[in-house]
C-alpha atoms as a PDB file:
ATOM      1  CA  MET A   1      -3.870 -25.907-138.623  1.00  0.00           C
ATOM      2  CA  PHE A   2      -3.957 -22.162-138.073  1.00  0.00           C
ATOM      3  CA  GLN A   3      -6.258 -22.532-135.061  1.00  0.00           C
ATOM      4  CA  ALA A   4      -4.216 -25.362-133.531  1.00  0.00           C
ATOM      5  CA  LEU A   5      -0.910 -23.557-134.016  1.00  0.00           C
ATOM      6  CA  LEU A   6      -2.217 -20.268-132.656  1.00  0.00           C
ATOM      7  CA  ASP A   7      -3.609 -22.059-129.601  1.00  0.00           C
ATOM      8  CA  ALA A   8      -0.248 -23.772-129.070  1.00  0.00           C
ATOM      9  CA  PHE A   9       2.165 -20.902-129.709  1.00  0.00           C
ATOM     10  CA  GLY A  10       0.232 -17.640-129.646  1.00  0.00           C
ATOM     11  CA  PRO A  11       1.031 -14.557-131.754  1.00  0.00           C
ATOM     12  CA  GLN A  12       4.514 -14.679-133.259  1.00  0.00           C
ATOM     13  CA  HIS A  13       4.980 -10.906-133.685  1.00  0.00           C
ATOM     14  CA  TRP A  14       6.641 -11.151-137.065  1.00  0.00           C
ATOM     15  CA  TRP A  15       8.283  -9.357-138.724  1.00  0.00           C
ATOM     16  CA  PRO A  16      10.619  -8.214-135.890  1.00  0.00           C
ATOM     17  CA  ALA A  17      11.643  -4.798-137.218  1.00  0.00           C
ATOM     18  CA  ARG A  18      11.328  -1.096-136.529  1.00  0.00           C
ATOM     19  CA  THR A  19      10.541   0.169-140.035  1.00  0.00           C
ATOM     20  CA  PRO A  20       9.306  -1.162-143.397  1.00  0.00           C
ATOM     21  CA  LEU A  21      12.802  -0.681-144.823  1.00  0.00           C
ATOM     22  CA  GLU A  22      14.243  -2.842-142.043  1.00  0.00           C
ATOM     23  CA  VAL A  23      11.737  -5.550-142.990  1.00  0.00           C
ATOM     24  CA  ILE A  24      12.828  -5.358-146.617  1.00  0.00           C
ATOM     25  CA  ILE A  25      16.554  -5.451-145.840  1.00  0.00           C
ATOM     26  CA  GLY A  26      15.965  -8.273-143.359  1.00  0.00           C
ATOM     27  CA  SER A  27      14.057 -10.302-145.963  1.00  0.00           C
ATOM     28  CA  ILE A  28      17.083 -10.057-148.254  1.00  0.00           C
ATOM     29  CA  LEU A  29      19.623 -10.783-145.530  1.00  0.00           C
ATOM     30  CA  VAL A  30      17.817 -13.895-144.273  1.00  0.00           C
ATOM     31  CA  GLN A  31      18.079 -15.639-147.652  1.00  0.00           C
ATOM     32  CA  ASN A  32      19.935 -18.951-147.250  1.00  0.00           C
ATOM     33  CA  THR A  33      20.856 -18.306-143.624  1.00  0.00           C
ATOM     34  CA  ALA A  34      19.422 -18.403-140.106  1.00  0.00           C
ATOM     35  CA  TRP A  35      17.524 -15.402-138.778  1.00  0.00           C
ATOM     36  CA  ALA A  36      20.141 -14.974-136.049  1.00  0.00           C
ATOM     37  CA  ASN A  37      22.752 -14.217-138.718  1.00  0.00           C
ATOM     38  CA  ALA A  38      20.463 -11.728-140.445  1.00  0.00           C
ATOM     39  CA  GLU A  39      19.896 -10.031-137.091  1.00  0.00           C
ATOM     40  CA  LYS A  40      23.632  -9.619-136.598  1.00  0.00           C
ATOM     41  CA  ALA A  41      23.914  -7.926-139.970  1.00  0.00           C
ATOM     42  CA  LEU A  42      20.934  -5.681-139.219  1.00  0.00           C
ATOM     43  CA  HIS A  43      22.523  -4.686-135.910  1.00  0.00           C
ATOM     44  CA  ARG A  44      25.733  -3.716-137.704  1.00  0.00           C
ATOM     45  CA  LEU A  45      23.774  -1.646-140.222  1.00  0.00           C
ATOM     46  CA  ARG A  46      21.843   0.057-137.425  1.00  0.00           C
ATOM     47  CA  SER A  47      25.009   0.795-135.456  1.00  0.00           C
ATOM     48  CA  ALA A  48      26.548   2.341-138.587  1.00  0.00           C
ATOM     49  CA  ARG A  49      23.402   4.470-139.072  1.00  0.00           C
ATOM     50  CA  ALA A  50      22.975   2.844-142.459  1.00  0.00           C
ATOM     51  CA  LEU A  51      19.381   1.590-142.120  1.00  0.00           C
ATOM     52  CA  SER A  52      17.773   4.344-144.152  1.00  0.00           C
ATOM     53  CA  LEU A  53      17.322   4.925-147.859  1.00  0.00           C
ATOM     54  CA  ARG A  54      19.348   8.139-147.644  1.00  0.00           C
ATOM     55  CA  ALA A  55      22.276   6.378-146.000  1.00  0.00           C
ATOM     56  CA  MET A  56      22.178   3.434-148.381  1.00  0.00           C
ATOM     57  CA  ARG A  57      22.210   5.677-151.445  1.00  0.00           C
ATOM     58  CA  SER A  58      25.626   7.005-150.466  1.00  0.00           C
ATOM     59  CA  LEU A  59      27.064   3.853-148.871  1.00  0.00           C
ATOM     60  CA  PRO A  60      29.892   2.386-150.983  1.00  0.00           C
ATOM     61  CA  LEU A  61      29.346  -1.197-152.046  1.00  0.00           C
ATOM     62  CA  PHE A  62      32.461  -2.415-150.215  1.00  0.00           C
ATOM     63  CA  GLU A  63      31.283  -0.876-146.924  1.00  0.00           C
ATOM     64  CA  LEU A  64      27.831  -2.409-147.328  1.00  0.00           C
ATOM     65  CA  GLU A  65      29.415  -5.802-147.960  1.00  0.00           C
ATOM     66  CA  GLN A  66      31.473  -5.583-144.779  1.00  0.00           C
ATOM     67  CA  LEU A  67      28.503  -4.492-142.678  1.00  0.00           C
ATOM     68  CA  ILE A  68      26.300  -7.398-143.754  1.00  0.00           C
ATOM     69  CA  ARG A  69      29.051 -10.038-143.819  1.00  0.00           C
ATOM     70  CA  PRO A  70      27.515 -12.020-140.869  1.00  0.00           C
ATOM     71  CA  ALA A  71      24.499 -12.850-143.049  1.00  0.00           C
ATOM     72  CA  GLY A  72      26.614 -14.733-145.596  1.00  0.00           C
ATOM     73  CA  PHE A  73      26.549 -14.351-149.389  1.00  0.00           C
ATOM     74  CA  PHE A  74      27.316 -10.732-148.570  1.00  0.00           C
ATOM     75  CA  ARG A  75      28.456  -9.725-152.050  1.00  0.00           C
ATOM     76  CA  GLN A  76      25.305 -11.012-153.711  1.00  0.00           C
ATOM     77  CA  LYS A  77      23.034  -9.596-151.005  1.00  0.00           C
ATOM     78  CA  SER A  78      24.747  -6.195-151.119  1.00  0.00           C
ATOM     79  CA  ARG A  79      23.990  -5.927-154.808  1.00  0.00           C
ATOM     80  CA  THR A  80      20.386  -6.958-154.224  1.00  0.00           C
ATOM     81  CA  ILE A  81      20.015  -4.269-151.561  1.00  0.00           C
ATOM     82  CA  GLN A  82      21.470  -1.641-153.864  1.00  0.00           C
ATOM     83  CA  SER A  83      19.194  -2.826-156.678  1.00  0.00           C
ATOM     84  CA  PHE A  84      16.183  -2.436-154.398  1.00  0.00           C
ATOM     85  CA  VAL A  85      17.201   1.110-153.451  1.00  0.00           C
ATOM     86  CA  ALA A  86      17.576   1.955-157.139  1.00  0.00           C
ATOM     87  CA  PHE A  87      14.149   0.397-157.801  1.00  0.00           C
ATOM     88  CA  ILE A  88      12.328   2.359-155.094  1.00  0.00           C
ATOM     89  CA  ASP A  89      13.934   5.595-156.275  1.00  0.00           C
ATOM     90  CA  ARG A  90      13.162   4.919-159.927  1.00  0.00           C
ATOM     91  CA  GLU A  91       9.599   3.583-159.621  1.00  0.00           C
ATOM     92  CA  TYR A  92       8.280   5.328-156.495  1.00  0.00           C
ATOM     93  CA  ALA A  93      10.462   8.425-156.036  1.00  0.00           C
ATOM     94  CA  GLY A  94      12.000   6.906-152.923  1.00  0.00           C
ATOM     95  CA  SER A  95       8.640   6.414-151.156  1.00  0.00           C
ATOM     96  CA  LEU A  96       7.956   3.078-149.476  1.00  0.00           C
ATOM     97  CA  ASP A  97       4.429   4.288-148.717  1.00  0.00           C
ATOM     98  CA  ALA A  98       3.776   4.833-152.424  1.00  0.00           C
ATOM     99  CA  MET A  99       5.167   1.377-153.143  1.00  0.00           C
ATOM    100  CA  ALA A 100       2.830  -0.165-150.559  1.00  0.00           C
ATOM    101  CA  ARG A 101      -0.192   1.416-152.259  1.00  0.00           C
ATOM    102  CA  GLN A 102       0.549  -0.343-155.529  1.00  0.00           C
ATOM    103  CA  HIS A 103      -1.723  -3.237-156.573  1.00  0.00           C
ATOM    104  CA  THR A 104      -0.454  -6.551-155.193  1.00  0.00           C
ATOM    105  CA  ASN A 105       0.047  -8.301-158.543  1.00  0.00           C
ATOM    106  CA  VAL A 106       1.800  -5.316-160.097  1.00  0.00           C
ATOM    107  CA  LEU A 107       4.124  -4.812-157.139  1.00  0.00           C
ATOM    108  CA  ARG A 108       4.929  -8.519-156.951  1.00  0.00           C
ATOM    109  CA  LEU A 109       6.027  -8.556-160.585  1.00  0.00           C
ATOM    110  CA  GLN A 110       8.133  -5.444-160.008  1.00  0.00           C
ATOM    111  CA  LEU A 111       9.837  -6.975-156.986  1.00  0.00           C
ATOM    112  CA  LEU A 112      10.539 -10.200-158.862  1.00  0.00           C
ATOM    113  CA  GLY A 113      12.253  -8.094-161.502  1.00  0.00           C
ATOM    114  CA  ILE A 114      14.925  -7.053-158.994  1.00  0.00           C
ATOM    115  CA  CYS A 115      18.040  -9.209-159.302  1.00  0.00           C
ATOM    116  CA  GLY A 116      18.319 -11.420-156.220  1.00  0.00           C
ATOM    117  CA  VAL A 117      14.630 -11.209-155.235  1.00  0.00           C
ATOM    118  CA  GLY A 118      12.767 -14.505-155.600  1.00  0.00           C
ATOM    119  CA  PRO A 119       9.128 -15.385-154.797  1.00  0.00           C
ATOM    120  CA  GLU A 120       9.647 -15.932-151.062  1.00  0.00           C
ATOM    121  CA  THR A 121      11.517 -12.639-150.607  1.00  0.00           C
ATOM    122  CA  ALA A 122       9.012 -10.737-152.766  1.00  0.00           C
ATOM    123  CA  ASP A 123       6.076 -12.128-150.802  1.00  0.00           C
ATOM    124  CA  SER A 124       7.748 -11.380-147.472  1.00  0.00           C
ATOM    125  CA  ILE A 125       8.143  -7.762-148.577  1.00  0.00           C
ATOM    126  CA  LEU A 126       4.528  -7.659-149.747  1.00  0.00           C
ATOM    127  CA  LEU A 127       3.159  -9.116-146.517  1.00  0.00           C
ATOM    128  CA  TYR A 128       5.349  -7.633-143.823  1.00  0.00           C
ATOM    129  CA  ALA A 129       6.527  -4.327-145.284  1.00  0.00           C
ATOM    130  CA  ALA A 130       3.644  -3.369-147.577  1.00  0.00           C
ATOM    131  CA  GLN A 131       0.789  -5.067-145.642  1.00  0.00           C
ATOM    132  CA  HIS A 132      -0.622  -7.073-148.565  1.00  0.00           C
ATOM    133  CA  PRO A 133      -2.367 -10.369-147.663  1.00  0.00           C
ATOM    134  CA  VAL A 134      -0.206 -12.986-149.384  1.00  0.00           C
ATOM    135  CA  PHE A 135       0.797 -16.483-148.310  1.00  0.00           C
ATOM    136  CA  VAL A 136       4.576 -16.791-147.923  1.00  0.00           C
ATOM    137  CA  VAL A 137       5.912 -20.200-148.932  1.00  0.00           C
ATOM    138  CA  ASP A 138       9.138 -21.221-147.242  1.00  0.00           C
ATOM    139  CA  ALA A 139      10.861 -24.517-146.456  1.00  0.00           C
ATOM    140  CA  TYR A 140       8.922 -24.900-143.187  1.00  0.00           C
ATOM    141  CA  ALA A 141       5.555 -24.473-144.911  1.00  0.00           C
ATOM    142  CA  ARG A 142       6.510 -26.978-147.596  1.00  0.00           C
ATOM    143  CA  ARG A 143       7.678 -29.540-145.041  1.00  0.00           C
ATOM    144  CA  VAL A 144       4.587 -29.318-142.838  1.00  0.00           C
ATOM    145  CA  LEU A 145       2.105 -29.374-145.708  1.00  0.00           C
ATOM    146  CA  PHE A 146       3.885 -32.237-147.481  1.00  0.00           C
ATOM    147  CA  ARG A 147       4.038 -34.375-144.361  1.00  0.00           C
ATOM    148  CA  HIS A 148       0.329 -33.797-143.841  1.00  0.00           C
ATOM    149  CA  GLY A 149      -0.384 -35.027-147.356  1.00  0.00           C
ATOM    150  CA  LEU A 150      -1.633 -31.646-148.554  1.00  0.00           C
ATOM    151  CA  ILE A 151       0.929 -31.014-151.299  1.00  0.00           C
ATOM    152  CA  ALA A 152       3.222 -33.048-153.500  1.00  0.00           C
ATOM    153  CA  GLU A 153       6.902 -33.019-152.593  1.00  0.00           C
ATOM    154  CA  ASP A 154       7.687 -31.240-155.857  1.00  0.00           C
ATOM    155  CA  ALA A 155       4.728 -28.821-155.748  1.00  0.00           C
ATOM    156  CA  SER A 156       5.476 -25.452-157.320  1.00  0.00           C
ATOM    157  CA  TYR A 157       5.686 -22.289-155.252  1.00  0.00           C
ATOM    158  CA  GLU A 158       2.523 -21.008-156.945  1.00  0.00           C
ATOM    159  CA  ASP A 159       0.533 -24.180-156.188  1.00  0.00           C
ATOM    160  CA  VAL A 160       1.483 -24.122-152.505  1.00  0.00           C
ATOM    161  CA  GLN A 161       0.632 -20.435-152.324  1.00  0.00           C
ATOM    162  CA  LYS A 162      -2.788 -20.992-153.897  1.00  0.00           C
ATOM    163  CA  LEU A 163      -3.571 -23.717-151.370  1.00  0.00           C
ATOM    164  CA  GLY A 164      -2.529 -21.594-148.392  1.00  0.00           C
ATOM    165  CA  SER A 165      -4.300 -18.494-149.669  1.00  0.00           C
ATOM    166  CA  ALA A 166      -7.573 -20.325-150.295  1.00  0.00           C
ATOM    167  CA  ALA A 167      -7.502 -22.067-146.904  1.00  0.00           C
ATOM    168  CA  LEU A 168      -6.874 -18.868-144.971  1.00  0.00           C
ATOM    169  CA  ALA A 169      -9.547 -17.041-146.974  1.00  0.00           C
ATOM    170  CA  ASP A 170     -12.044 -19.731-145.966  1.00  0.00           C
ATOM    171  CA  TYR A 171     -10.927 -19.438-142.343  1.00  0.00           C
ATOM    172  CA  LEU A 172     -11.509 -15.678-142.339  1.00  0.00           C
ATOM    173  CA  VAL A 173     -15.038 -16.205-143.653  1.00  0.00           C
ATOM    174  CA  ALA A 174     -15.765 -18.804-140.955  1.00  0.00           C
ATOM    175  CA  VAL A 175     -14.745 -16.681-137.962  1.00  0.00           C
ATOM    176  CA  SER A 176     -15.383 -13.088-137.014  1.00  0.00           C
ATOM    177  CA  HIS A 177     -11.963 -12.546-135.448  1.00  0.00           C
ATOM    178  CA  PRO A 178      -8.765 -14.604-135.497  1.00  0.00           C
ATOM    179  CA  PRO A 179      -8.216 -15.954-131.978  1.00  0.00           C
ATOM    180  CA  THR A 180      -5.553 -14.488-129.734  1.00  0.00           C
ATOM    181  CA  HIS A 181      -3.278 -16.074-127.157  1.00  0.00           C
ATOM    182  CA  ASN A 182      -1.216 -14.802-124.266  1.00  0.00           C
ATOM    183  CA  LEU A 183       2.051 -16.578-125.088  1.00  0.00           C
ATOM    184  CA  ASP A 184       4.468 -14.547-127.205  1.00  0.00           C
ATOM    185  CA  SER A 185       7.260 -16.077-129.253  1.00  0.00           C
ATOM    186  CA  HIS A 186       9.025 -12.829-130.132  1.00  0.00           C
ATOM    187  CA  THR A 187       9.185  -9.479-128.404  1.00  0.00           C
ATOM    188  CA  PRO A 188       6.727  -7.128-130.147  1.00  0.00           C
ATOM    189  CA  THR A 189       8.358  -4.456-132.309  1.00  0.00           C
ATOM    190  CA  PRO A 190       6.953  -1.336-134.024  1.00  0.00           C
ATOM    191  CA  MET A 191       6.285  -3.295-137.218  1.00  0.00           C
ATOM    192  CA  SER A 192       4.640  -6.254-135.466  1.00  0.00           C
ATOM    193  CA  ARG A 193       2.438  -3.842-133.475  1.00  0.00           C
ATOM    194  CA  LYS A 194       1.359  -1.989-136.611  1.00  0.00           C
ATOM    195  CA  THR A 195      -2.403  -2.000-137.173  1.00  0.00           C
ATOM    196  CA  LYS A 196      -3.263  -4.569-139.834  1.00  0.00           C
ATOM    197  CA  SER A 197      -6.342  -5.733-141.657  1.00  0.00           C
ATOM    198  CA  GLN A 198      -7.818  -9.023-140.479  1.00  0.00           C
ATOM    199  CA  ALA A 199      -6.564 -10.754-143.618  1.00  0.00           C
ATOM    200  CA  VAL A 200      -3.010  -9.416-143.307  1.00  0.00           C
ATOM    201  CA  GLU A 201      -2.949 -10.410-139.632  1.00  0.00           C
ATOM    202  CA  ALA A 202      -3.967 -13.986-140.472  1.00  0.00           C
ATOM    203  CA  PHE A 203      -1.402 -14.399-143.265  1.00  0.00           C
ATOM    204  CA  ASN A 204       1.227 -12.789-141.038  1.00  0.00           C
ATOM    205  CA  GLU A 205       0.565 -15.165-138.162  1.00  0.00           C
ATOM    206  CA  MET A 206       0.305 -18.267-140.339  1.00  0.00           C
ATOM    207  CA  HIS A 207       3.769 -17.716-141.757  1.00  0.00           C
ATOM    208  CA  GLY A 208       5.273 -17.192-138.310  1.00  0.00           C
ATOM    209  CA  LEU A 209       3.418 -20.190-136.868  1.00  0.00           C
ATOM    210  CA  LEU A 210       4.609 -22.532-139.619  1.00  0.00           C
ATOM    211  CA  VAL A 211       8.165 -21.391-138.904  1.00  0.00           C
ATOM    212  CA  ALA A 212       7.601 -22.095-135.197  1.00  0.00           C
ATOM    213  CA  ILE A 213       6.249 -25.608-135.745  1.00  0.00           C
ATOM    214  CA  GLY A 214       8.973 -26.362-138.286  1.00  0.00           C
ATOM    215  CA  LYS A 215      11.733 -25.374-135.899  1.00  0.00           C
ATOM    216  CA  ARG A 216      10.364 -27.034-132.773  1.00  0.00           C
ATOM    217  CA  PHE A 217       8.557 -30.169-133.937  1.00  0.00           C
ATOM    218  CA  CYS A 218       8.438 -30.692-137.706  1.00  0.00           C
ATOM    219  CA  ARG A 219      12.200 -30.734-138.012  1.00  0.00           C
ATOM    220  CA  LYS A 220      13.811 -31.950-141.212  1.00  0.00           C
ATOM    221  CA  ALA A 221      15.900 -34.788-139.774  1.00  0.00           C
ATOM    222  CA  ALA A 222      14.285 -35.601-136.427  1.00  0.00           C
ATOM    223  CA  PRO A 223      10.590 -34.681-136.356  1.00  0.00           C
ATOM    224  CA  ASP A 224       8.843 -34.904-132.994  1.00  0.00           C
ATOM    225  CA  CYS A 225       5.412 -35.886-134.245  1.00  0.00           C
ATOM    226  CA  ASN A 226       4.228 -37.484-131.019  1.00  0.00           C
ATOM    227  CA  ASN A 227       4.415 -34.167-129.150  1.00  0.00           C
ATOM    228  CA  CYS A 228       3.451 -31.933-132.064  1.00  0.00           C
ATOM    229  CA  PRO A 229       0.326 -29.771-131.681  1.00  0.00           C
ATOM    230  CA  LEU A 230      -0.671 -30.883-135.197  1.00  0.00           C
ATOM    231  CA  LEU A 231      -0.524 -34.643-134.509  1.00  0.00           C
ATOM    232  CA  ALA A 232      -4.314 -34.947-134.409  1.00  0.00           C
ATOM    233  CA  LEU A 233      -4.461 -33.460-137.920  1.00  0.00           C
ATOM    234  CA  LEU A 234      -1.875 -35.827-139.400  1.00  0.00           C
ATOM    235  CA  PRO A 235      -3.787 -38.343-141.577  1.00  0.00           C
ATOM    236  CA  LEU A 236      -2.977 -42.001-141.085  1.00  0.00           C
ATOM    237  CA  SER A 237      -2.225 -42.222-144.794  1.00  0.00           C
ATOM    238  CA  ALA A 238       0.417 -39.534-144.413  1.00  0.00           C
ATOM    239  CA  ARG A 239       2.265 -40.997-141.436  1.00  0.00           C
ATOM    240  CA  ALA A 240       4.431 -43.190-143.621  1.00  0.00           C
ATOM    241  CA  ARG A 241       5.932 -40.015-145.078  1.00  0.00           C
ATOM    242  CA  VAL A 242       7.359 -38.978-141.726  1.00  0.00           C
ATOM    243  CA  PRO A 243      10.519 -40.689-140.440  1.00  0.00           C
ATOM    244  CA  GLY A 244      10.368 -42.030-136.907  1.00  0.00           C
ATOM    245  CA  ILE A 245       6.598 -42.265-136.506  1.00  0.00           C
END
């Protein structure tokens, strides 16, 4: 799947952000909304010069709520952002670099302890902000893998993550370098250009590629299986799961 998607779409250049903090705030803002709405909120924060830990420490809750209103659930997300700032100050003396050096399992548990941070948000922070090789499970990943008969419809987050992690680990052993492609889906940003390990690069791309296939072909209500780059990998036994094929 990774090879076929990369050949079809090319590097996705996720996460589109300038700094690790912007990745973290974006991962909170994008909860239960489209990325376009999160981007609007990020733009408002940037315009207000509020996209720094120093600025957020002194930003009143009401002002933060108004700035991120386009992302929806702005009251809940504002409190999650403030809880993260308190966490990074308390546990890592305000250093995102120190946070990134923490062991993956330890940091994941710490992030999950922040009110409003679930597994998908925690893993997005780990992968894109802290450069840890973890498989991010979102609705697109679940949909694609279920329709291909690789997971049960009610598979747990942890089970899907184990499957994705093991498959990508095997892929990295089988090839010397992940293939590249000339077609770009997103404009490269400082964070997407950041030098990464081979493993982080693969997990990074796989998440972005599953989002791309989910949006363009493996749609929830009207999947376009006949034109999908993954059609050849769709088992005959799994085709009954997909409406319209």
